[in-house]
């Protein structure tokens, strides 16, 4: 629900993404028949705090709970004398919180069924044994396609892409210039970290893995059929992808390279030919 009085409602299903605007009241309710899990990405290391609706604070106080000066949930009975608690905002201040139309809210949802897959979105995709494709969600991020089909383009402080890896294939050894988080849904993958003494880990479905910046890694599909994972990378714009010499050389033999802007391009257009 979006809005102080739940003016808009968005139904999010498995695999859907919804970009929640800043400075709006929002609430979440599980309307399914089983436990619901929701993963959230915040656009920075400092989220800026939470602006609670007045009725939430008021009802919490009626049950004996408040937020203390450090904004931690605290029992009223446990507060020392004279301690301050977070107060509800007056209506004239609450009225300044932004509102959105139904069309604006609907445009911020990227549906699982509507993903726009792009081939040759990573340099390794043209190398045998490394087949993969990318479906953009938020920003550009780990996407080397010259014309990325970015579903949501306004700044978030991070990017999100779906990555599909062919059966028995791997993405290929590479580094990213920013920290990343990888989420699996129904796929099983293996991640290899490090170059000289690599460490391998099996990642089962419905898992989250934190990947450090500037560390060699490879992602391999060890399940049946294509593996689909979500990769979220910190920062705006296109993420710097540094490929291993083996991937660069193999892609060159297929006639592809990366141009000065970090995009895939035919080698014949990038390489200079002097006679």
C-alpha atoms as a PDB file:
ATOM      1  CA  UNK A   1       0.000   0.000   0.000  1.00  0.00           C
ATOM      2  CA  UNK A   2       1.191   3.510  -0.838  1.00  0.00           C
ATOM      3  CA  UNK A   3      -0.009   6.712   0.822  1.00  0.00           C
ATOM      4  CA  UNK A   4      -0.999   7.721   4.336  1.00  0.00           C
ATOM      5  CA  UNK A   5      -4.498   6.365   3.777  1.00  0.00           C
ATOM      6  CA  UNK A   6      -3.449   3.547   1.409  1.00  0.00           C
ATOM      7  CA  UNK A   7      -4.474   5.513  -1.666  1.00  0.00           C
ATOM      8  CA  UNK A   8      -2.672   3.085  -4.017  1.00  0.00           C
ATOM      9  CA  UNK A   9      -2.229  -0.658  -3.915  1.00  0.00           C
ATOM     10  CA  UNK A  10       0.359  -2.694  -5.839  1.00  0.00           C
ATOM     11  CA  UNK A  11       0.274  -6.489  -5.900  1.00  0.00           C
ATOM     12  CA  UNK A  12       3.814  -7.870  -6.074  1.00  0.00           C
ATOM     13  CA  UNK A  13       4.282 -11.504  -7.086  1.00  0.00           C
ATOM     14  CA  UNK A  14       7.393 -13.729  -6.949  1.00  0.00           C
ATOM     15  CA  UNK A  15      10.122 -12.301  -9.169  1.00  0.00           C
ATOM     16  CA  UNK A  16       8.528  -8.843  -9.455  1.00  0.00           C
ATOM     17  CA  UNK A  17      10.387  -5.659  -8.544  1.00  0.00           C
ATOM     18  CA  UNK A  18       8.826  -2.498  -7.194  1.00  0.00           C
ATOM     19  CA  UNK A  19      10.733   0.766  -6.805  1.00  0.00           C
ATOM     20  CA  UNK A  20       9.212   2.496  -3.783  1.00  0.00           C
ATOM     21  CA  UNK A  21       9.514   6.299  -4.002  1.00  0.00           C
ATOM     22  CA  UNK A  22      11.280   8.106  -1.204  1.00  0.00           C
ATOM     23  CA  UNK A  23       9.211  10.339   1.062  1.00  0.00           C
ATOM     24  CA  UNK A  24       5.974   8.408   0.726  1.00  0.00           C
ATOM     25  CA  UNK A  25       4.170   6.371   3.330  1.00  0.00           C
ATOM     26  CA  UNK A  26       4.137   2.684   2.483  1.00  0.00           C
ATOM     27  CA  UNK A  27       2.995  -0.570   4.073  1.00  0.00           C
ATOM     28  CA  UNK A  28       3.368  -4.254   3.184  1.00  0.00           C
ATOM     29  CA  UNK A  29       0.897  -7.084   3.676  1.00  0.00           C
ATOM     30  CA  UNK A  30       1.265 -10.755   2.808  1.00  0.00           C
ATOM     31  CA  UNK A  31      -1.829 -11.668   0.797  1.00  0.00           C
ATOM     32  CA  UNK A  32      -0.586 -15.135  -0.166  1.00  0.00           C
ATOM     33  CA  UNK A  33      -1.322 -18.491   1.440  1.00  0.00           C
ATOM     34  CA  UNK A  34       2.217 -19.151   2.723  1.00  0.00           C
ATOM     35  CA  UNK A  35       5.046 -17.252   4.370  1.00  0.00           C
ATOM     36  CA  UNK A  36       6.175 -14.333   2.224  1.00  0.00           C
ATOM     37  CA  UNK A  37       9.766 -13.154   1.842  1.00  0.00           C
ATOM     38  CA  UNK A  38      10.642  -9.711   0.499  1.00  0.00           C
ATOM     39  CA  UNK A  39      14.160  -8.523  -0.314  1.00  0.00           C
ATOM     40  CA  UNK A  40      14.856  -4.788  -0.097  1.00  0.00           C
ATOM     41  CA  UNK A  41      17.703  -2.736  -1.594  1.00  0.00           C
ATOM     42  CA  UNK A  42      18.467   0.675  -0.100  1.00  0.00           C
ATOM     43  CA  UNK A  43      20.183   3.349  -2.166  1.00  0.00           C
ATOM     44  CA  UNK A  44      23.167   3.983   0.078  1.00  0.00           C
ATOM     45  CA  UNK A  45      24.894   3.058   3.322  1.00  0.00           C
ATOM     46  CA  UNK A  46      22.853   5.642   5.272  1.00  0.00           C
ATOM     47  CA  UNK A  47      19.103   5.116   4.758  1.00  0.00           C
ATOM     48  CA  UNK A  48      18.199   8.434   6.416  1.00  0.00           C
ATOM     49  CA  UNK A  49      15.808   7.071   9.000  1.00  0.00           C
ATOM     50  CA  UNK A  50      12.154   6.065   8.898  1.00  0.00           C
ATOM     51  CA  UNK A  51       9.231   8.494   8.862  1.00  0.00           C
ATOM     52  CA  UNK A  52       6.413   6.695  10.654  1.00  0.00           C
ATOM     53  CA  UNK A  53       2.768   7.543  10.082  1.00  0.00           C
ATOM     54  CA  UNK A  54       1.240   9.216  13.170  1.00  0.00           C
ATOM     55  CA  UNK A  55      -1.265   6.421  13.805  1.00  0.00           C
ATOM     56  CA  UNK A  56       1.539   3.824  13.896  1.00  0.00           C
ATOM     57  CA  UNK A  57       3.367   5.687  16.667  1.00  0.00           C
ATOM     58  CA  UNK A  58       0.141   6.376  18.521  1.00  0.00           C
ATOM     59  CA  UNK A  59      -1.024   2.731  18.413  1.00  0.00           C
ATOM     60  CA  UNK A  60       2.433   1.515  19.446  1.00  0.00           C
ATOM     61  CA  UNK A  61       2.365   3.834  22.470  1.00  0.00           C
ATOM     62  CA  UNK A  62      -1.062   2.473  23.428  1.00  0.00           C
ATOM     63  CA  UNK A  63       0.462  -1.011  23.557  1.00  0.00           C
ATOM     64  CA  UNK A  64       3.347   0.221  25.697  1.00  0.00           C
ATOM     65  CA  UNK A  65       6.076   0.638  23.108  1.00  0.00           C
ATOM     66  CA  UNK A  66       7.863   3.747  21.796  1.00  0.00           C
ATOM     67  CA  UNK A  67      10.986   4.744  19.890  1.00  0.00           C
ATOM     68  CA  UNK A  68      13.676   6.228  22.120  1.00  0.00           C
ATOM     69  CA  UNK A  69      16.169   8.928  21.089  1.00  0.00           C
ATOM     70  CA  UNK A  70      18.268   6.343  19.246  1.00  0.00           C
ATOM     71  CA  UNK A  71      15.067   5.237  17.429  1.00  0.00           C
ATOM     72  CA  UNK A  72      15.137   1.804  19.045  1.00  0.00           C
ATOM     73  CA  UNK A  73      11.918   0.085  20.077  1.00  0.00           C
ATOM     74  CA  UNK A  74      11.658   0.457  23.854  1.00  0.00           C
ATOM     75  CA  UNK A  75       9.043  -0.381  26.469  1.00  0.00           C
ATOM     76  CA  UNK A  76       7.552   2.712  28.031  1.00  0.00           C
ATOM     77  CA  UNK A  77       7.959   1.121  31.419  1.00  0.00           C
ATOM     78  CA  UNK A  78      11.714   0.733  30.882  1.00  0.00           C
ATOM     79  CA  UNK A  79      12.402   4.387  30.049  1.00  0.00           C
ATOM     80  CA  UNK A  80      14.330   6.412  32.643  1.00  0.00           C
ATOM     81  CA  UNK A  81      12.657   9.549  34.048  1.00  0.00           C
ATOM     82  CA  UNK A  82      12.807  12.480  31.614  1.00  0.00           C
ATOM     83  CA  UNK A  83      13.684  10.320  28.603  1.00  0.00           C
ATOM     84  CA  UNK A  84      12.491  11.634  25.258  1.00  0.00           C
ATOM     85  CA  UNK A  85      10.626   9.563  22.670  1.00  0.00           C
ATOM     86  CA  UNK A  86       9.808  10.030  19.006  1.00  0.00           C
ATOM     87  CA  UNK A  87       6.648  12.087  18.619  1.00  0.00           C
ATOM     88  CA  UNK A  88       4.007  11.980  15.921  1.00  0.00           C
ATOM     89  CA  UNK A  89       4.256  14.712  13.317  1.00  0.00           C
ATOM     90  CA  UNK A  90       1.460  17.300  13.195  1.00  0.00           C
ATOM     91  CA  UNK A  91      -0.987  17.086  10.305  1.00  0.00           C
ATOM     92  CA  UNK A  92       0.358  20.222   8.596  1.00  0.00           C
ATOM     93  CA  UNK A  93       3.784  18.551   8.339  1.00  0.00           C
ATOM     94  CA  UNK A  94       2.412  15.160   7.303  1.00  0.00           C
ATOM     95  CA  UNK A  95       0.491  16.842   4.474  1.00  0.00           C
ATOM     96  CA  UNK A  96       3.839  17.769   2.870  1.00  0.00           C
ATOM     97  CA  UNK A  97       4.677  14.095   2.219  1.00  0.00           C
ATOM     98  CA  UNK A  98       4.494  13.466  -1.526  1.00  0.00           C
ATOM     99  CA  UNK A  99       1.676  11.606  -3.253  1.00  0.00           C
ATOM    100  CA  UNK A 100       1.608   9.754  -6.578  1.00  0.00           C
ATOM    101  CA  UNK A 101      -1.028   8.865  -9.130  1.00  0.00           C
ATOM    102  CA  UNK A 102      -2.023   5.269  -9.838  1.00  0.00           C
ATOM    103  CA  UNK A 103      -0.254   5.433 -13.218  1.00  0.00           C
ATOM    104  CA  UNK A 104       2.958   6.719 -11.606  1.00  0.00           C
ATOM    105  CA  UNK A 105       2.937   3.913  -9.057  1.00  0.00           C
ATOM    106  CA  UNK A 106       2.207   1.223 -11.656  1.00  0.00           C
ATOM    107  CA  UNK A 107       5.129   2.464 -13.780  1.00  0.00           C
ATOM    108  CA  UNK A 108       7.512   1.685 -10.914  1.00  0.00           C
ATOM    109  CA  UNK A 109       6.800  -2.060 -11.037  1.00  0.00           C
ATOM    110  CA  UNK A 110       8.894  -4.407 -13.199  1.00  0.00           C
ATOM    111  CA  UNK A 111       7.075  -7.684 -13.623  1.00  0.00           C
ATOM    112  CA  UNK A 112       8.799 -11.067 -13.755  1.00  0.00           C
ATOM    113  CA  UNK A 113       6.780 -11.992 -16.832  1.00  0.00           C
ATOM    114  CA  UNK A 114       7.763  -8.791 -18.663  1.00  0.00           C
ATOM    115  CA  UNK A 115      11.540  -9.083 -18.390  1.00  0.00           C
ATOM    116  CA  UNK A 116      13.298  -7.886 -21.563  1.00  0.00           C
ATOM    117  CA  UNK A 117      16.231 -10.248 -22.072  1.00  0.00           C
ATOM    118  CA  UNK A 118      19.216  -8.986 -24.049  1.00  0.00           C
ATOM    119  CA  UNK A 119      21.842 -11.143 -25.738  1.00  0.00           C
ATOM    120  CA  UNK A 120      25.457  -9.992 -25.912  1.00  0.00           C
ATOM    121  CA  UNK A 121      25.004  -7.896 -22.775  1.00  0.00           C
ATOM    122  CA  UNK A 122      28.267  -9.237 -21.323  1.00  0.00           C
ATOM    123  CA  UNK A 123      31.488  -9.824 -23.232  1.00  0.00           C
ATOM    124  CA  UNK A 124      31.661 -13.464 -22.144  1.00  0.00           C
ATOM    125  CA  UNK A 125      28.290 -14.224 -23.752  1.00  0.00           C
ATOM    126  CA  UNK A 126      29.945 -14.757 -27.161  1.00  0.00           C
ATOM    127  CA  UNK A 127      32.493 -17.238 -25.758  1.00  0.00           C
ATOM    128  CA  UNK A 128      31.594 -20.950 -26.019  1.00  0.00           C
ATOM    129  CA  UNK A 129      30.743 -22.389 -22.619  1.00  0.00           C
ATOM    130  CA  UNK A 130      29.797 -18.995 -21.194  1.00  0.00           C
ATOM    131  CA  UNK A 131      26.372 -18.336 -22.700  1.00  0.00           C
ATOM    132  CA  UNK A 132      24.404 -15.745 -20.752  1.00  0.00           C
ATOM    133  CA  UNK A 133      21.945 -12.889 -21.156  1.00  0.00           C
ATOM    134  CA  UNK A 134      20.798  -9.926 -19.081  1.00  0.00           C
ATOM    135  CA  UNK A 135      17.366  -8.445 -18.322  1.00  0.00           C
ATOM    136  CA  UNK A 136      17.714  -4.887 -16.921  1.00  0.00           C
ATOM    137  CA  UNK A 137      15.566  -3.775 -14.000  1.00  0.00           C
ATOM    138  CA  UNK A 138      17.055  -0.663 -12.352  1.00  0.00           C
ATOM    139  CA  UNK A 139      19.870   1.356 -13.898  1.00  0.00           C
ATOM    140  CA  UNK A 140      22.604  -0.111 -16.103  1.00  0.00           C
ATOM    141  CA  UNK A 141      25.019  -1.746 -13.686  1.00  0.00           C
ATOM    142  CA  UNK A 142      26.547  -5.029 -14.873  1.00  0.00           C
ATOM    143  CA  UNK A 143      25.345  -4.680 -18.447  1.00  0.00           C
ATOM    144  CA  UNK A 144      27.658  -4.097 -21.403  1.00  0.00           C
ATOM    145  CA  UNK A 145      24.956  -3.907 -24.066  1.00  0.00           C
ATOM    146  CA  UNK A 146      25.217  -0.768 -26.165  1.00  0.00           C
ATOM    147  CA  UNK A 147      21.472  -0.136 -25.867  1.00  0.00           C
ATOM    148  CA  UNK A 148      20.372  -1.503 -22.483  1.00  0.00           C
ATOM    149  CA  UNK A 149      16.613  -1.945 -22.085  1.00  0.00           C
ATOM    150  CA  UNK A 150      16.620  -0.314 -18.668  1.00  0.00           C
ATOM    151  CA  UNK A 151      13.150  -0.578 -17.171  1.00  0.00           C
ATOM    152  CA  UNK A 152      13.737   2.050 -14.446  1.00  0.00           C
ATOM    153  CA  UNK A 153      16.382   4.637 -15.249  1.00  0.00           C
ATOM    154  CA  UNK A 154      16.180   7.328 -12.554  1.00  0.00           C
ATOM    155  CA  UNK A 155      18.935   7.287  -9.891  1.00  0.00           C
ATOM    156  CA  UNK A 156      18.707   4.807  -7.022  1.00  0.00           C
ATOM    157  CA  UNK A 157      22.307   4.588  -5.848  1.00  0.00           C
ATOM    158  CA  UNK A 158      22.486   1.007  -7.145  1.00  0.00           C
ATOM    159  CA  UNK A 159      21.559  -1.108 -10.147  1.00  0.00           C
ATOM    160  CA  UNK A 160      19.611  -4.359 -10.476  1.00  0.00           C
ATOM    161  CA  UNK A 161      19.780  -6.844 -13.335  1.00  0.00           C
ATOM    162  CA  UNK A 162      18.521 -10.332 -13.968  1.00  0.00           C
ATOM    163  CA  UNK A 163      21.281 -12.640 -15.230  1.00  0.00           C
ATOM    164  CA  UNK A 164      20.498 -15.911 -17.016  1.00  0.00           C
ATOM    165  CA  UNK A 165      23.293 -18.477 -17.362  1.00  0.00           C
ATOM    166  CA  UNK A 166      22.987 -21.326 -19.851  1.00  0.00           C
ATOM    167  CA  UNK A 167      22.862 -24.939 -18.720  1.00  0.00           C
ATOM    168  CA  UNK A 168      26.332 -26.068 -17.503  1.00  0.00           C
ATOM    169  CA  UNK A 169      27.819 -22.668 -18.441  1.00  0.00           C
ATOM    170  CA  UNK A 170      29.611 -20.058 -16.367  1.00  0.00           C
ATOM    171  CA  UNK A 171      29.741 -16.282 -16.691  1.00  0.00           C
ATOM    172  CA  UNK A 172      33.536 -16.328 -16.942  1.00  0.00           C
ATOM    173  CA  UNK A 173      36.211 -14.938 -14.645  1.00  0.00           C
ATOM    174  CA  UNK A 174      35.787 -11.212 -13.982  1.00  0.00           C
ATOM    175  CA  UNK A 175      35.974  -8.425 -11.412  1.00  0.00           C
ATOM    176  CA  UNK A 176      33.504  -5.657 -10.594  1.00  0.00           C
ATOM    177  CA  UNK A 177      34.567  -2.214  -9.457  1.00  0.00           C
ATOM    178  CA  UNK A 178      31.841  -2.126  -6.785  1.00  0.00           C
ATOM    179  CA  UNK A 179      30.377  -4.404  -4.146  1.00  0.00           C
ATOM    180  CA  UNK A 180      27.472  -6.577  -5.283  1.00  0.00           C
ATOM    181  CA  UNK A 181      24.742  -8.798  -3.882  1.00  0.00           C
ATOM    182  CA  UNK A 182      23.554 -11.900  -5.698  1.00  0.00           C
ATOM    183  CA  UNK A 183      20.120 -13.474  -5.146  1.00  0.00           C
ATOM    184  CA  UNK A 184      19.059 -16.881  -6.386  1.00  0.00           C
ATOM    185  CA  UNK A 185      15.453 -17.917  -6.907  1.00  0.00           C
ATOM    186  CA  UNK A 186      14.891 -21.476  -8.107  1.00  0.00           C
ATOM    187  CA  UNK A 187      18.403 -21.960  -9.488  1.00  0.00           C
ATOM    188  CA  UNK A 188      21.480 -23.605  -8.019  1.00  0.00           C
ATOM    189  CA  UNK A 189      24.836 -22.057  -8.799  1.00  0.00           C
ATOM    190  CA  UNK A 190      28.477 -22.265  -7.789  1.00  0.00           C
ATOM    191  CA  UNK A 191      30.526 -19.151  -7.083  1.00  0.00           C
ATOM    192  CA  UNK A 192      34.307 -19.119  -7.318  1.00  0.00           C
ATOM    193  CA  UNK A 193      36.135 -16.283  -5.556  1.00  0.00           C
ATOM    194  CA  UNK A 194      39.829 -15.487  -5.888  1.00  0.00           C
ATOM    195  CA  UNK A 195      42.402 -16.181  -8.551  1.00  0.00           C
ATOM    196  CA  UNK A 196      45.549 -17.775  -7.138  1.00  0.00           C
ATOM    197  CA  UNK A 197      43.785 -19.825  -4.458  1.00  0.00           C
ATOM    198  CA  UNK A 198      40.124 -19.732  -5.460  1.00  0.00           C
ATOM    199  CA  UNK A 199      37.384 -20.585  -2.982  1.00  0.00           C
ATOM    200  CA  UNK A 200      34.241 -22.278  -4.286  1.00  0.00           C
ATOM    201  CA  UNK A 201      30.831 -22.265  -2.685  1.00  0.00           C
ATOM    202  CA  UNK A 202      27.585 -23.901  -3.717  1.00  0.00           C
ATOM    203  CA  UNK A 203      24.656 -21.501  -3.515  1.00  0.00           C
ATOM    204  CA  UNK A 204      21.262 -23.181  -3.211  1.00  0.00           C
ATOM    205  CA  UNK A 205      17.965 -21.653  -4.376  1.00  0.00           C
ATOM    206  CA  UNK A 206      16.556 -18.698  -2.409  1.00  0.00           C
ATOM    207  CA  UNK A 207      19.930 -17.556  -1.123  1.00  0.00           C
ATOM    208  CA  UNK A 208      21.744 -14.222  -0.903  1.00  0.00           C
ATOM    209  CA  UNK A 209      25.502 -13.817  -1.385  1.00  0.00           C
ATOM    210  CA  UNK A 210      27.562 -10.678  -0.768  1.00  0.00           C
ATOM    211  CA  UNK A 211      30.387 -10.244  -3.291  1.00  0.00           C
ATOM    212  CA  UNK A 212      33.231  -7.802  -2.525  1.00  0.00           C
ATOM    213  CA  UNK A 213      34.504  -5.264  -5.024  1.00  0.00           C
ATOM    214  CA  UNK A 214      37.691  -5.858  -7.010  1.00  0.00           C
ATOM    215  CA  UNK A 215      37.765  -9.609  -6.402  1.00  0.00           C
ATOM    216  CA  UNK A 216      38.003 -12.170  -9.175  1.00  0.00           C
ATOM    217  CA  UNK A 217      34.882 -14.293  -9.387  1.00  0.00           C
ATOM    218  CA  UNK A 218      33.008 -16.673 -11.636  1.00  0.00           C
ATOM    219  CA  UNK A 219      29.383 -17.808 -11.437  1.00  0.00           C
ATOM    220  CA  UNK A 220      28.582 -21.288 -12.731  1.00  0.00           C
ATOM    221  CA  UNK A 221      25.228 -22.907 -13.378  1.00  0.00           C
ATOM    222  CA  UNK A 222      25.269 -26.349 -11.746  1.00  0.00           C
ATOM    223  CA  UNK A 223      21.540 -26.995 -11.930  1.00  0.00           C
ATOM    224  CA  UNK A 224      19.286 -28.322 -14.663  1.00  0.00           C
ATOM    225  CA  UNK A 225      18.292 -25.827 -17.331  1.00  0.00           C
ATOM    226  CA  UNK A 226      19.139 -22.090 -17.378  1.00  0.00           C
ATOM    227  CA  UNK A 227      19.987 -20.479 -14.036  1.00  0.00           C
ATOM    228  CA  UNK A 228      18.407 -17.112 -13.303  1.00  0.00           C
ATOM    229  CA  UNK A 229      19.894 -14.886 -10.609  1.00  0.00           C
ATOM    230  CA  UNK A 230      19.574 -11.251  -9.577  1.00  0.00           C
ATOM    231  CA  UNK A 231      22.685  -9.091  -9.342  1.00  0.00           C
ATOM    232  CA  UNK A 232      22.502  -5.770  -7.487  1.00  0.00           C
ATOM    233  CA  UNK A 233      25.583  -3.544  -7.680  1.00  0.00           C
ATOM    234  CA  UNK A 234      26.286  -0.369  -5.718  1.00  0.00           C
ATOM    235  CA  UNK A 235      26.719   2.949  -7.515  1.00  0.00           C
ATOM    236  CA  UNK A 236      25.140   4.770 -10.415  1.00  0.00           C
ATOM    237  CA  UNK A 237      25.727   4.227 -14.120  1.00  0.00           C
ATOM    238  CA  UNK A 238      27.486   1.343 -15.814  1.00  0.00           C
ATOM    239  CA  UNK A 239      29.549  -0.901 -13.551  1.00  0.00           C
ATOM    240  CA  UNK A 240      33.176  -1.410 -14.531  1.00  0.00           C
ATOM    241  CA  UNK A 241      33.621  -5.072 -15.505  1.00  0.00           C
ATOM    242  CA  UNK A 242      37.198  -6.301 -15.800  1.00  0.00           C
ATOM    243  CA  UNK A 243      37.405  -9.607 -17.656  1.00  0.00           C
ATOM    244  CA  UNK A 244      40.199 -12.129 -17.353  1.00  0.00           C
ATOM    245  CA  UNK A 245      42.738 -12.257 -20.218  1.00  0.00           C
ATOM    246  CA  UNK A 246      41.295 -15.656 -21.171  1.00  0.00           C
ATOM    247  CA  UNK A 247      37.797 -14.241 -21.682  1.00  0.00           C
ATOM    248  CA  UNK A 248      39.116 -11.178 -23.523  1.00  0.00           C
ATOM    249  CA  UNK A 249      41.170 -13.337 -25.863  1.00  0.00           C
ATOM    250  CA  UNK A 250      38.356 -15.828 -26.509  1.00  0.00           C
ATOM    251  CA  UNK A 251      35.903 -12.990 -27.239  1.00  0.00           C
ATOM    252  CA  UNK A 252      38.415 -11.428 -29.638  1.00  0.00           C
ATOM    253  CA  UNK A 253      38.537 -14.701 -31.552  1.00  0.00           C
ATOM    254  CA  UNK A 254      34.778 -14.412 -31.908  1.00  0.00           C
ATOM    255  CA  UNK A 255      35.183 -10.862 -33.234  1.00  0.00           C
ATOM    256  CA  UNK A 256      34.140  -8.888 -30.141  1.00  0.00           C
ATOM    257  CA  UNK A 257      35.736  -6.537 -27.636  1.00  0.00           C
ATOM    258  CA  UNK A 258      34.775  -3.786 -25.187  1.00  0.00           C
ATOM    259  CA  UNK A 259      34.911  -0.161 -26.329  1.00  0.00           C
ATOM    260  CA  UNK A 260      36.069   2.889 -24.362  1.00  0.00           C
ATOM    261  CA  UNK A 261      32.584   3.302 -22.878  1.00  0.00           C
ATOM    262  CA  UNK A 262      32.531  -0.209 -21.431  1.00  0.00           C
ATOM    263  CA  UNK A 263      30.116  -1.553 -24.060  1.00  0.00           C
ATOM    264  CA  UNK A 264      30.415  -4.624 -26.271  1.00  0.00           C
ATOM    265  CA  UNK A 265      31.369  -3.860 -29.852  1.00  0.00           C
ATOM    266  CA  UNK A 266      32.672  -5.664 -32.953  1.00  0.00           C
ATOM    267  CA  UNK A 267      36.463  -5.695 -32.833  1.00  0.00           C
ATOM    268  CA  UNK A 268      36.583  -4.462 -36.427  1.00  0.00           C
ATOM    269  CA  UNK A 269      34.966  -1.182 -35.337  1.00  0.00           C
ATOM    270  CA  UNK A 270      37.217  -0.637 -32.310  1.00  0.00           C
ATOM    271  CA  UNK A 271      40.627  -1.887 -33.408  1.00  0.00           C
ATOM    272  CA  UNK A 272      42.698   0.433 -35.555  1.00  0.00           C
ATOM    273  CA  UNK A 273      43.935  -0.990 -38.836  1.00  0.00           C
ATOM    274  CA  UNK A 274      47.101   0.599 -40.169  1.00  0.00           C
ATOM    275  CA  UNK A 275      48.449  -0.447 -43.547  1.00  0.00           C
END
